[in-house]
Amino acid sequence: MVQKKIQTFEMWCYRRLLKVPWTEKKTNKEIIQIADVGERLLQQLMKRKLGYAGLISRGSSGPLLQLLLEGKIEGKRGQGRARRNWVDDFKE
């Protein structure tokens, strides 16, 4: 769900930069070819997120950040749907 929102935002930005009106029927593939995009935004975000997670898991940032990343914090959690965490992104 989050990935789709990021991709939608990326395409919206490309269309705005290229001044393509919404009435013009151009596919996303055509827009990407016109924009001559090397690496997509979602791929860049995932690469950076994995790199940051690797940095924290090695312990070079200190034990507090590692504890926060793993989500092993004591106490009661709030009512409602569980929030997404870093591990969910890696599984996806």
PDB file of N, CA and C in Angstrom:
ATOM      1  N   MET A   1       0.833  -1.187   0.000  1.00  0.00           N
ATOM      2  CA  MET A   1       0.000   0.000   0.000  1.00  0.00           C
ATOM      3  C   MET A   1       0.878   1.250   0.000  1.00  0.00           C
ATOM      4  N   VAL A   2       1.889   1.265   0.850  1.00  0.00           N
ATOM      5  CA  VAL A   2       2.785   2.415   0.917  1.00  0.00           C
ATOM      6  C   VAL A   2       3.580   2.517  -0.377  1.00  0.00           C
ATOM      7  N   GLN A   3       3.971   1.376  -0.932  1.00  0.00           N
ATOM      8  CA  GLN A   3       4.744   1.381  -2.168  1.00  0.00           C
ATOM      9  C   GLN A   3       3.945   2.003  -3.306  1.00  0.00           C
ATOM     10  N   LYS A   4       2.672   1.699  -3.357  1.00  0.00           N
ATOM     11  CA  LYS A   4       1.826   2.241  -4.426  1.00  0.00           C
ATOM     12  C   LYS A   4       1.704   3.758  -4.295  1.00  0.00           C
ATOM     13  N   LYS A   5       1.630   4.254  -3.065  1.00  0.00           N
ATOM     14  CA  LYS A   5       1.543   5.699  -2.854  1.00  0.00           C
ATOM     15  C   LYS A   5       2.829   6.394  -3.287  1.00  0.00           C
ATOM     16  N   ILE A   6       3.968   5.766  -3.011  1.00  0.00           N
ATOM     17  CA  ILE A   6       5.250   6.343  -3.414  1.00  0.00           C
ATOM     18  C   ILE A   6       5.363   6.367  -4.932  1.00  0.00           C
ATOM     19  N   GLN A   7       4.966   5.281  -5.588  1.00  0.00           N
ATOM     20  CA  GLN A   7       5.022   5.232  -7.043  1.00  0.00           C
ATOM     21  C   GLN A   7       4.073   6.252  -7.671  1.00  0.00           C
ATOM     22  N   THR A   8       2.908   6.423  -7.080  1.00  0.00           N
ATOM     23  CA  THR A   8       1.942   7.393  -7.579  1.00  0.00           C
ATOM     24  C   THR A   8       2.491   8.808  -7.457  1.00  0.00           C
ATOM     25  N   PHE A   9       3.099   9.106  -6.306  1.00  0.00           N
ATOM     26  CA  PHE A   9       3.690  10.422  -6.111  1.00  0.00           C
ATOM     27  C   PHE A   9       4.811  10.674  -7.103  1.00  0.00           C
ATOM     28  N   GLU A  10       5.621   9.655  -7.346  1.00  0.00           N
ATOM     29  CA  GLU A  10       6.730   9.783  -8.288  1.00  0.00           C
ATOM     30  C   GLU A  10       6.210  10.114  -9.686  1.00  0.00           C
ATOM     31  N   MET A  11       5.187   9.398 -10.133  1.00  0.00           N
ATOM     32  CA  MET A  11       4.636   9.650 -11.457  1.00  0.00           C
ATOM     33  C   MET A  11       3.993  11.030 -11.537  1.00  0.00           C
ATOM     34  N   TRP A  12       3.346  11.451 -10.460  1.00  0.00           N
ATOM     35  CA  TRP A  12       2.739  12.776 -10.421  1.00  0.00           C
ATOM     36  C   TRP A  12       3.822  13.848 -10.592  1.00  0.00           C
ATOM     37  N   CYS A  13       4.959  13.657  -9.912  1.00  0.00           N
ATOM     38  CA  CYS A  13       6.069  14.608 -10.017  1.00  0.00           C
ATOM     39  C   CYS A  13       6.615  14.654 -11.435  1.00  0.00           C
ATOM     40  N   TYR A  14       6.806  13.498 -12.067  1.00  0.00           N
ATOM     41  CA  TYR A  14       7.324  13.463 -13.433  1.00  0.00           C
ATOM     42  C   TYR A  14       6.375  14.183 -14.391  1.00  0.00           C
ATOM     43  N   ARG A  15       5.097  13.947 -14.231  1.00  0.00           N
ATOM     44  CA  ARG A  15       4.124  14.591 -15.108  1.00  0.00           C
ATOM     45  C   ARG A  15       4.120  16.108 -14.923  1.00  0.00           C
ATOM     46  N   ARG A  16       4.289  16.551 -13.682  1.00  0.00           N
ATOM     47  CA  ARG A  16       4.354  17.994 -13.416  1.00  0.00           C
ATOM     48  C   ARG A  16       5.619  18.599 -14.008  1.00  0.00           C
ATOM     49  N   LEU A  17       6.754  17.913 -13.851  1.00  0.00           N
ATOM     50  CA  LEU A  17       8.018  18.421 -14.384  1.00  0.00           C
ATOM     51  C   LEU A  17       8.001  18.496 -15.913  1.00  0.00           C
ATOM     52  N   LEU A  18       7.370  17.514 -16.539  1.00  0.00           N
ATOM     53  CA  LEU A  18       7.326  17.470 -18.004  1.00  0.00           C
ATOM     54  C   LEU A  18       6.154  18.272 -18.575  1.00  0.00           C
ATOM     55  N   LYS A  19       5.318  18.818 -17.689  1.00  0.00           N
ATOM     56  CA  LYS A  19       4.142  19.612 -18.082  1.00  0.00           C
ATOM     57  C   LYS A  19       3.205  18.829 -18.994  1.00  0.00           C
ATOM     58  N   VAL A  20       2.949  17.568 -18.609  1.00  0.00           N
ATOM     59  CA  VAL A  20       2.015  16.723 -19.350  1.00  0.00           C
ATOM     60  C   VAL A  20       0.639  16.909 -18.719  1.00  0.00           C
ATOM     61  N   PRO A  21      -0.342  17.419 -19.462  1.00  0.00           N
ATOM     62  CA  PRO A  21      -1.681  17.616 -18.875  1.00  0.00           C
ATOM     63  C   PRO A  21      -2.362  16.273 -18.603  1.00  0.00           C
ATOM     64  N   TRP A  22      -3.261  16.270 -17.642  1.00  0.00           N
ATOM     65  CA  TRP A  22      -3.930  15.019 -17.281  1.00  0.00           C
ATOM     66  C   TRP A  22      -4.883  14.560 -18.362  1.00  0.00           C
ATOM     67  N   THR A  23      -5.284  15.466 -19.266  1.00  0.00           N
ATOM     68  CA  THR A  23      -6.183  15.080 -20.362  1.00  0.00           C
ATOM     69  C   THR A  23      -5.444  14.322 -21.456  1.00  0.00           C
ATOM     70  N   GLU A  24      -4.121  14.463 -21.489  1.00  0.00           N
ATOM     71  CA  GLU A  24      -3.330  13.758 -22.494  1.00  0.00           C
ATOM     72  C   GLU A  24      -3.140  12.313 -22.042  1.00  0.00           C
ATOM     73  N   LYS A  25      -3.538  11.392 -22.874  1.00  0.00           N
ATOM     74  CA  LYS A  25      -3.492   9.970 -22.515  1.00  0.00           C
ATOM     75  C   LYS A  25      -2.099   9.406 -22.774  1.00  0.00           C
ATOM     76  N   LYS A  26      -1.250   9.474 -21.766  1.00  0.00           N
ATOM     77  CA  LYS A  26       0.092   8.894 -21.859  1.00  0.00           C
ATOM     78  C   LYS A  26       0.238   7.897 -20.725  1.00  0.00           C
ATOM     79  N   THR A  27       0.820   6.760 -21.037  1.00  0.00           N
ATOM     80  CA  THR A  27       1.015   5.739 -20.012  1.00  0.00           C
ATOM     81  C   THR A  27       2.210   6.108 -19.139  1.00  0.00           C
ATOM     82  N   ASN A  28       2.292   5.452 -18.002  1.00  0.00           N
ATOM     83  CA  ASN A  28       3.414   5.687 -17.100  1.00  0.00           C
ATOM     84  C   ASN A  28       4.741   5.292 -17.748  1.00  0.00           C
ATOM     85  N   LYS A  29       4.728   4.221 -18.532  1.00  0.00           N
ATOM     86  CA  LYS A  29       5.945   3.787 -19.216  1.00  0.00           C
ATOM     87  C   LYS A  29       6.436   4.859 -20.193  1.00  0.00           C
ATOM     88  N   GLU A  30       5.507   5.487 -20.894  1.00  0.00           N
ATOM     89  CA  GLU A  30       5.884   6.555 -21.820  1.00  0.00           C
ATOM     90  C   GLU A  30       6.480   7.734 -21.074  1.00  0.00           C
ATOM     91  N   ILE A  31       5.900   8.081 -19.943  1.00  0.00           N
ATOM     92  CA  ILE A  31       6.393   9.200 -19.145  1.00  0.00           C
ATOM     93  C   ILE A  31       7.804   8.912 -18.638  1.00  0.00           C
ATOM     94  N   ILE A  32       8.042   7.680 -18.198  1.00  0.00           N
ATOM     95  CA  ILE A  32       9.371   7.306 -17.694  1.00  0.00           C
ATOM     96  C   ILE A  32      10.395   7.351 -18.825  1.00  0.00           C
ATOM     97  N   GLN A  33      10.008   6.923 -20.022  1.00  0.00           N
ATOM     98  CA  GLN A  33      10.926   6.980 -21.167  1.00  0.00           C
ATOM     99  C   GLN A  33      11.250   8.424 -21.534  1.00  0.00           C
ATOM    100  N   ILE A  34      10.250   9.289 -21.505  1.00  0.00           N
ATOM    101  CA  ILE A  34      10.474  10.700 -21.829  1.00  0.00           C
ATOM    102  C   ILE A  34      11.371  11.349 -20.778  1.00  0.00           C
ATOM    103  N   ALA A  35      11.129  11.023 -19.502  1.00  0.00           N
ATOM    104  CA  ALA A  35      11.908  11.619 -18.412  1.00  0.00           C
ATOM    105  C   ALA A  35      13.325  11.044 -18.361  1.00  0.00           C
ATOM    106  N   ASP A  36      13.553   9.913 -19.010  1.00  0.00           N
ATOM    107  CA  ASP A  36      14.858   9.252 -19.029  1.00  0.00           C
ATOM    108  C   ASP A  36      15.375   9.027 -17.605  1.00  0.00           C
ATOM    109  N   VAL A  37      14.561   8.325 -16.822  1.00  0.00           N
ATOM    110  CA  VAL A  37      14.873   8.068 -15.418  1.00  0.00           C
ATOM    111  C   VAL A  37      15.751   6.834 -15.320  1.00  0.00           C
ATOM    112  N   GLY A  38      16.852   6.952 -14.589  1.00  0.00           N
ATOM    113  CA  GLY A  38      17.751   5.817 -14.409  1.00  0.00           C
ATOM    114  C   GLY A  38      17.209   4.849 -13.380  1.00  0.00           C
ATOM    115  N   GLU A  39      17.146   5.297 -12.135  1.00  0.00           N
ATOM    116  CA  GLU A  39      16.680   4.433 -11.051  1.00  0.00           C
ATOM    117  C   GLU A  39      15.421   5.043 -10.445  1.00  0.00           C
ATOM    118  N   ARG A  40      14.446   4.207 -10.203  1.00  0.00           N
ATOM    119  CA  ARG A  40      13.174   4.689  -9.671  1.00  0.00           C
ATOM    120  C   ARG A  40      13.312   5.073  -8.207  1.00  0.00           C
ATOM    121  N   LEU A  41      12.406   5.916  -7.755  1.00  0.00           N
ATOM    122  CA  LEU A  41      12.431   6.446  -6.401  1.00  0.00           C
ATOM    123  C   LEU A  41      12.300   5.340  -5.359  1.00  0.00           C
ATOM    124  N   LEU A  42      11.385   4.406  -5.575  1.00  0.00           N
ATOM    125  CA  LEU A  42      11.159   3.324  -4.611  1.00  0.00           C
ATOM    126  C   LEU A  42      12.401   2.447  -4.459  1.00  0.00           C
ATOM    127  N   GLN A  43      13.092   2.190  -5.551  1.00  0.00           N
ATOM    128  CA  GLN A  43      14.316   1.390  -5.486  1.00  0.00           C
ATOM    129  C   GLN A  43      15.392   2.114  -4.686  1.00  0.00           C
ATOM    130  N   GLN A  44      15.511   3.413  -4.888  1.00  0.00           N
ATOM    131  CA  GLN A  44      16.493   4.197  -4.141  1.00  0.00           C
ATOM    132  C   GLN A  44      16.169   4.197  -2.647  1.00  0.00           C
ATOM    133  N   LEU A  45      14.878   4.355  -2.322  1.00  0.00           N
ATOM    134  CA  LEU A  45      14.474   4.371  -0.914  1.00  0.00           C
ATOM    135  C   LEU A  45      14.772   3.040  -0.236  1.00  0.00           C
ATOM    136  N   MET A  46      14.464   1.933  -0.903  1.00  0.00           N
ATOM    137  CA  MET A  46      14.701   0.625  -0.302  1.00  0.00           C
ATOM    138  C   MET A  46      16.196   0.354  -0.137  1.00  0.00           C
ATOM    139  N   LYS A  47      17.008   0.777  -1.110  1.00  0.00           N
ATOM    140  CA  LYS A  47      18.454   0.585  -1.018  1.00  0.00           C
ATOM    141  C   LYS A  47      19.017   1.362   0.176  1.00  0.00           C
ATOM    142  N   ARG A  48      18.560   2.599   0.352  1.00  0.00           N
ATOM    143  CA  ARG A  48      19.042   3.409   1.475  1.00  0.00           C
ATOM    144  C   ARG A  48      18.557   2.858   2.810  1.00  0.00           C
ATOM    145  N   LYS A  49      17.317   2.380   2.832  1.00  0.00           N
ATOM    146  CA  LYS A  49      16.770   1.836   4.071  1.00  0.00           C
ATOM    147  C   LYS A  49      17.517   0.563   4.483  1.00  0.00           C
ATOM    148  N   LEU A  50      17.823  -0.297   3.511  1.00  0.00           N
ATOM    149  CA  LEU A  50      18.579  -1.511   3.811  1.00  0.00           C
ATOM    150  C   LEU A  50      19.987  -1.172   4.291  1.00  0.00           C
ATOM    151  N   GLY A  51      20.595  -0.170   3.671  1.00  0.00           N
ATOM    152  CA  GLY A  51      21.929   0.245   4.101  1.00  0.00           C
ATOM    153  C   GLY A  51      21.929   0.769   5.526  1.00  0.00           C
ATOM    154  N   TYR A  52      20.907   1.559   5.868  1.00  0.00           N
ATOM    155  CA  TYR A  52      20.805   2.109   7.225  1.00  0.00           C
ATOM    156  C   TYR A  52      20.543   0.998   8.237  1.00  0.00           C
ATOM    157  N   ALA A  53      19.693   0.033   7.873  1.00  0.00           N
ATOM    158  CA  ALA A  53      19.408  -1.080   8.771  1.00  0.00           C
ATOM    159  C   ALA A  53      20.665  -1.917   9.006  1.00  0.00           C
ATOM    160  N   GLY A  54      21.478  -2.093   7.963  1.00  0.00           N
ATOM    161  CA  GLY A  54      22.732  -2.826   8.121  1.00  0.00           C
ATOM    162  C   GLY A  54      23.689  -2.101   9.050  1.00  0.00           C
ATOM    163  N   LEU A  55      23.735  -0.782   8.947  1.00  0.00           N
ATOM    164  CA  LEU A  55      24.586   0.029   9.811  1.00  0.00           C
ATOM    165  C   LEU A  55      24.180  -0.130  11.274  1.00  0.00           C
ATOM    166  N   ILE A  56      22.875  -0.098  11.517  1.00  0.00           N
ATOM    167  CA  ILE A  56      22.377  -0.213  12.891  1.00  0.00           C
ATOM    168  C   ILE A  56      22.562  -1.631  13.420  1.00  0.00           C
ATOM    169  N   SER A  57      22.312  -2.643  12.565  1.00  0.00           N
ATOM    170  CA  SER A  57      22.416  -4.029  13.043  1.00  0.00           C
ATOM    171  C   SER A  57      23.854  -4.408  13.395  1.00  0.00           C
ATOM    172  N   ARG A  58      24.827  -3.757  12.774  1.00  0.00           N
ATOM    173  CA  ARG A  58      26.226  -4.017  13.125  1.00  0.00           C
ATOM    174  C   ARG A  58      26.577  -3.410  14.476  1.00  0.00           C
ATOM    175  N   GLY A  59      25.730  -2.541  14.983  1.00  0.00           N
ATOM    176  CA  GLY A  59      25.944  -1.977  16.307  1.00  0.00           C
ATOM    177  C   GLY A  59      26.828  -0.756  16.331  1.00  0.00           C
ATOM    178  N   SER A  60      27.146  -0.207  15.176  1.00  0.00           N
ATOM    179  CA  SER A  60      28.034   0.950  15.148  1.00  0.00           C
ATOM    180  C   SER A  60      27.330   2.235  15.578  1.00  0.00           C
ATOM    181  N   SER A  61      25.999   2.200  15.666  1.00  0.00           N
ATOM    182  CA  SER A  61      25.257   3.399  16.063  1.00  0.00           C
ATOM    183  C   SER A  61      24.899   3.410  17.537  1.00  0.00           C
ATOM    184  N   GLY A  62      25.185   2.335  18.220  1.00  0.00           N
ATOM    185  CA  GLY A  62      24.891   2.262  19.642  1.00  0.00           C
ATOM    186  C   GLY A  62      23.724   1.334  19.927  1.00  0.00           C
ATOM    187  N   PRO A  63      23.615   0.887  21.178  1.00  0.00           N
ATOM    188  CA  PRO A  63      22.589  -0.099  21.523  1.00  0.00           C
ATOM    189  C   PRO A  63      21.162   0.464  21.518  1.00  0.00           C
ATOM    190  N   LEU A  64      21.002   1.764  21.742  1.00  0.00           N
ATOM    191  CA  LEU A  64      19.658   2.337  21.800  1.00  0.00           C
ATOM    192  C   LEU A  64      18.959   2.268  20.447  1.00  0.00           C
ATOM    193  N   LEU A  65      19.658   2.625  19.383  1.00  0.00           N
ATOM    194  CA  LEU A  65      19.053   2.560  18.054  1.00  0.00           C
ATOM    195  C   LEU A  65      18.738   1.125  17.651  1.00  0.00           C
ATOM    196  N   GLN A  66      19.603   0.207  18.039  1.00  0.00           N
ATOM    197  CA  GLN A  66      19.360  -1.199  17.721  1.00  0.00           C
ATOM    198  C   GLN A  66      18.108  -1.689  18.448  1.00  0.00           C
ATOM    199  N   LEU A  67      17.919  -1.278  19.687  1.00  0.00           N
ATOM    200  CA  LEU A  67      16.744  -1.659  20.447  1.00  0.00           C
ATOM    201  C   LEU A  67      15.476  -1.085  19.804  1.00  0.00           C
ATOM    202  N   LEU A  68      15.542   0.155  19.350  1.00  0.00           N
ATOM    203  CA  LEU A  68      14.395   0.775  18.697  1.00  0.00           C
ATOM    204  C   LEU A  68      14.060   0.094  17.378  1.00  0.00           C
ATOM    205  N   LEU A  69      15.078  -0.290  16.611  1.00  0.00           N
ATOM    206  CA  LEU A  69      14.868  -0.939  15.324  1.00  0.00           C
ATOM    207  C   LEU A  69      14.192  -2.295  15.493  1.00  0.00           C
ATOM    208  N   GLU A  70      14.619  -3.052  16.506  1.00  0.00           N
ATOM    209  CA  GLU A  70      14.049  -4.372  16.729  1.00  0.00           C
ATOM    210  C   GLU A  70      12.654  -4.291  17.342  1.00  0.00           C
ATOM    211  N   GLY A  71      12.328  -3.177  17.979  1.00  0.00           N
ATOM    212  CA  GLY A  71      10.985  -2.976  18.523  1.00  0.00           C
ATOM    213  C   GLY A  71      10.710  -3.732  19.800  1.00  0.00           C
ATOM    214  N   LYS A  72      11.732  -4.044  20.574  1.00  0.00           N
ATOM    215  CA  LYS A  72      11.550  -4.790  21.819  1.00  0.00           C
ATOM    216  C   LYS A  72      11.509  -3.821  22.995  1.00  0.00           C
ATOM    217  N   ILE A  73      10.464  -3.021  23.038  1.00  0.00           N
ATOM    218  CA  ILE A  73      10.313  -2.016  24.079  1.00  0.00           C
ATOM    219  C   ILE A  73       9.232  -2.489  25.047  1.00  0.00           C
ATOM    220  N   GLU A  74       9.496  -2.349  26.319  1.00  0.00           N
ATOM    221  CA  GLU A  74       8.553  -2.809  27.335  1.00  0.00           C
ATOM    222  C   GLU A  74       7.340  -1.879  27.408  1.00  0.00           C
ATOM    223  N   GLY A  75       6.260  -2.424  27.943  1.00  0.00           N
ATOM    224  CA  GLY A  75       5.062  -1.619  28.153  1.00  0.00           C
ATOM    225  C   GLY A  75       3.896  -2.142  27.338  1.00  0.00           C
ATOM    226  N   LYS A  76       2.734  -1.526  27.570  1.00  0.00           N
ATOM    227  CA  LYS A  76       1.535  -1.926  26.855  1.00  0.00           C
ATOM    228  C   LYS A  76       1.432  -1.138  25.557  1.00  0.00           C
ATOM    229  N   ARG A  77       0.933  -1.793  24.545  1.00  0.00           N
ATOM    230  CA  ARG A  77       0.747  -1.090  23.285  1.00  0.00           C
ATOM    231  C   ARG A  77      -0.675  -0.555  23.216  1.00  0.00           C
ATOM    232  N   GLY A  78      -0.858   0.451  22.399  1.00  0.00           N
ATOM    233  CA  GLY A  78      -2.173   1.079  22.270  1.00  0.00           C
ATOM    234  C   GLY A  78      -3.176   0.192  21.565  1.00  0.00           C
ATOM    235  N   GLN A  79      -4.408   0.590  21.669  1.00  0.00           N
ATOM    236  CA  GLN A  79      -5.490  -0.166  21.064  1.00  0.00           C
ATOM    237  C   GLN A  79      -5.549   0.129  19.567  1.00  0.00           C
ATOM    238  N   GLY A  80      -5.975  -0.843  18.788  1.00  0.00           N
ATOM    239  CA  GLY A  80      -6.127  -0.648  17.353  1.00  0.00           C
ATOM    240  C   GLY A  80      -5.147  -1.481  16.550  1.00  0.00           C
ATOM    241  N   ARG A  81      -5.068  -1.143  15.293  1.00  0.00           N
ATOM    242  CA  ARG A  81      -4.218  -1.886  14.373  1.00  0.00           C
ATOM    243  C   ARG A  81      -2.742  -1.669  14.706  1.00  0.00           C
ATOM    244  N   ALA A  82      -1.968  -2.726  14.594  1.00  0.00           N
ATOM    245  CA  ALA A  82      -0.531  -2.626  14.879  1.00  0.00           C
ATOM    246  C   ALA A  82       0.137  -1.769  13.812  1.00  0.00           C
ATOM    247  N   ARG A  83       1.068  -0.932  14.233  1.00  0.00           N
ATOM    248  CA  ARG A  83       1.771  -0.068  13.305  1.00  0.00           C
ATOM    249  C   ARG A  83       2.813  -0.859  12.526  1.00  0.00           C
ATOM    250  N   ARG A  84       3.110  -0.359  11.336  1.00  0.00           N
ATOM    251  CA  ARG A  84       4.158  -0.994  10.528  1.00  0.00           C
ATOM    252  C   ARG A  84       5.514  -0.717  11.156  1.00  0.00           C
ATOM    253  N   ASN A  85       6.407  -1.669  11.031  1.00  0.00           N
ATOM    254  CA  ASN A  85       7.755  -1.461  11.527  1.00  0.00           C
ATOM    255  C   ASN A  85       8.753  -1.816  10.432  1.00  0.00           C
ATOM    256  N   TRP A  86      10.026  -1.657  10.740  1.00  0.00           N
ATOM    257  CA  TRP A  86      11.073  -1.878   9.750  1.00  0.00           C
ATOM    258  C   TRP A  86      11.063  -3.306   9.218  1.00  0.00           C
ATOM    259  N   VAL A  87      10.795  -4.251  10.084  1.00  0.00           N
ATOM    260  CA  VAL A  87      10.836  -5.664   9.675  1.00  0.00           C
ATOM    261  C   VAL A  87       9.765  -5.942   8.640  1.00  0.00           C
ATOM    262  N   ASP A  88       8.608  -5.285   8.761  1.00  0.00           N
ATOM    263  CA  ASP A  88       7.538  -5.471   7.772  1.00  0.00           C
ATOM    264  C   ASP A  88       8.000  -5.036   6.374  1.00  0.00           C
ATOM    265  N   ASP A  89       8.730  -3.944   6.301  1.00  0.00           N
ATOM    266  CA  ASP A  89       9.236  -3.477   5.013  1.00  0.00           C
ATOM    267  C   ASP A  89      10.217  -4.465   4.398  1.00  0.00           C
ATOM    268  N   PHE A  90      11.075  -5.053   5.230  1.00  0.00           N
ATOM    269  CA  PHE A  90      12.050  -5.997   4.706  1.00  0.00           C
ATOM    270  C   PHE A  90      11.378  -7.280   4.234  1.00  0.00           C
ATOM    271  N   LYS A  91      10.346  -7.718   4.945  1.00  0.00           N
ATOM    272  CA  LYS A  91       9.621  -8.922   4.519  1.00  0.00           C
ATOM    273  C   LYS A  91       8.915  -8.692   3.194  1.00  0.00           C
ATOM    274  N   GLU A  92       8.380  -7.501   3.037  1.00  0.00           N
ATOM    275  CA  GLU A  92       7.642  -7.162   1.824  1.00  0.00           C
ATOM    276  C   GLU A  92       8.592  -7.061   0.648  1.00  0.00           C
TER     277      GLU A  92
END
